[in-house]
């Protein structure tokens, strides 16, 4: 892992992969992982693709790098476009691409103590 990374370049790469993938999405963790509390992942979704409803694994934000997305939880929804930062609710939620989109998902996982 280098100390510098072009999120624009990673977003372009993931958008290309999403366009060629049958699930119409692609992702790459750019920082952290299972061994860290902090994880940052670039996720690309082709227009109309969705991340199915799932739990929030901890504090999380979505930074829209490209395109437009809708974050939905229960009866509330928020739309974001390039440059917007959406706070992920502490509830089950979905993310839908309203256009070909790339997001930076930042998660700080809850630490569980034995």
Protein backbone atom coordinates (compact mmCIF):
# COMPACT_ATOMS: atom_id res chain seq x y z
CA UNK A 1 0.00 0.00 0.00
CA UNK A 2 1.34 3.38 -0.99
CA UNK A 3 0.74 6.60 0.92
CA UNK A 4 -0.93 8.26 -2.06
CA UNK A 5 -3.72 7.05 -4.32
CA UNK A 6 -5.81 8.64 -7.06
CA UNK A 7 -9.44 8.01 -6.17
CA UNK A 8 -10.41 9.29 -9.64
CA UNK A 9 -8.25 6.61 -11.27
CA UNK A 10 -9.62 3.86 -9.00
CA UNK A 11 -13.18 5.05 -9.67
CA UNK A 12 -12.61 4.93 -13.46
CA UNK A 13 -11.11 1.43 -13.18
CA UNK A 14 -14.00 0.16 -11.06
CA UNK A 15 -16.61 1.77 -13.36
CA UNK A 16 -15.07 -0.10 -16.30
CA UNK A 17 -15.17 -3.36 -14.35
CA UNK A 18 -18.77 -2.78 -13.24
CA UNK A 19 -19.79 -2.21 -16.85
CA UNK A 20 -18.34 -5.58 -17.82
CA UNK A 21 -19.65 -7.49 -14.76
CA UNK A 22 -22.95 -9.40 -14.85
CA UNK A 23 -23.85 -8.01 -11.40
CA UNK A 24 -23.15 -4.49 -12.75
CA UNK A 25 -20.91 -3.59 -9.81
CA UNK A 26 -17.29 -3.75 -8.74
CA UNK A 27 -15.35 -2.84 -5.60
CA UNK A 28 -11.80 -2.37 -4.36
CA UNK A 29 -10.71 -1.74 -0.79
CA UNK A 30 -8.20 1.12 -0.92
CA UNK A 31 -7.40 1.28 2.79
CA UNK A 32 -7.82 -1.01 5.77
CA UNK A 33 -9.57 -4.31 5.77
CA UNK A 34 -10.59 -6.96 8.24
CA UNK A 35 -7.57 -6.37 10.47
CA UNK A 36 -8.30 -2.62 10.82
CA UNK A 37 -11.14 -0.68 12.43
CA UNK A 38 -11.14 1.75 9.46
CA UNK A 39 -11.96 0.49 5.97
CA UNK A 40 -12.34 2.54 2.80
CA UNK A 41 -13.70 0.92 -0.35
CA UNK A 42 -14.39 2.34 -3.81
CA UNK A 43 -17.60 0.79 -5.10
CA UNK A 44 -18.80 1.27 -8.67
CA UNK A 45 -22.37 0.59 -9.75
CA UNK A 46 -23.77 0.76 -13.27
CA UNK A 47 -26.96 2.80 -13.64
CA UNK A 48 -29.88 0.93 -12.06
CA UNK A 49 -27.67 -1.43 -10.03
CA UNK A 50 -28.25 -1.65 -6.31
CA UNK A 51 -26.54 -2.85 -3.17
CA UNK A 52 -29.31 -4.91 -1.59
CA UNK A 53 -30.58 -4.07 1.87
CA UNK A 54 -27.91 -4.71 4.48
CA UNK A 55 -26.91 -3.77 8.02
CA UNK A 56 -24.56 -0.94 8.84
CA UNK A 57 -21.35 -2.55 10.17
CA UNK A 58 -20.40 0.58 12.15
CA UNK A 59 -20.08 4.31 11.62
CA UNK A 60 -20.10 4.89 7.88
CA UNK A 61 -20.19 7.57 5.19
CA UNK A 62 -20.62 7.50 1.43
CA UNK A 63 -18.65 10.06 -0.61
CA UNK A 64 -19.95 10.24 -4.17
CA UNK A 65 -16.95 10.28 -6.53
CA UNK A 66 -18.88 10.01 -9.80
CA UNK A 67 -22.53 9.91 -10.85
CA UNK A 68 -25.63 9.95 -8.63
CA UNK A 69 -26.83 7.54 -5.96
CA UNK A 70 -29.79 7.13 -3.64
CA UNK A 71 -29.27 5.88 -0.09
CA UNK A 72 -32.51 4.53 1.37
CA UNK A 73 -33.44 3.38 4.86
CA UNK A 74 -37.01 2.60 5.99
CA UNK A 75 -39.12 5.58 4.85
CA UNK A 76 -36.23 8.03 4.37
CA UNK A 77 -33.93 8.46 1.39
CA UNK A 78 -31.11 10.80 0.44
CA UNK A 79 -29.70 11.48 -3.01
CA UNK A 80 -26.08 12.35 -3.59
CA UNK A 81 -24.08 13.46 -6.59
CA UNK A 82 -20.36 13.98 -7.23
CA UNK A 83 -18.77 15.66 -4.22
CA UNK A 84 -21.62 14.94 -1.79
CA UNK A 85 -21.06 13.13 1.49
CA UNK A 86 -23.92 11.02 2.85
CA UNK A 87 -23.97 9.71 6.40
CA UNK A 88 -25.11 6.09 6.44
CA UNK A 89 -27.91 5.61 8.97
CA UNK A 90 -27.50 3.13 11.80
CA UNK A 91 -30.17 0.90 10.26
CA UNK A 92 -30.72 -1.49 7.35
CA UNK A 93 -30.31 0.38 4.07
CA UNK A 94 -29.81 0.11 0.31
CA UNK A 95 -27.71 2.06 -2.17
CA UNK A 96 -29.01 2.50 -5.72
CA UNK A 97 -27.14 3.98 -8.69
CA UNK A 98 -29.29 6.57 -10.47
CA UNK A 99 -26.52 6.88 -13.09
CA UNK A 100 -23.20 5.08 -13.57
CA UNK A 101 -21.67 5.86 -10.19
CA UNK A 102 -18.60 5.39 -8.01
CA UNK A 103 -18.62 5.96 -4.26
CA UNK A 104 -16.04 5.87 -1.50
CA UNK A 105 -17.52 3.94 1.41
CA UNK A 106 -15.74 4.70 4.68
CA UNK A 107 -16.56 2.43 7.62
CA UNK A 108 -15.28 2.37 11.16
CA UNK A 109 -16.27 -1.05 12.41
CA UNK A 110 -17.60 -1.37 15.91
CA UNK A 111 -15.10 -3.04 18.15
CA UNK A 112 -16.56 -5.95 20.02
CA UNK A 113 -15.05 -6.71 23.39
CA UNK A 114 -15.08 -10.28 24.70
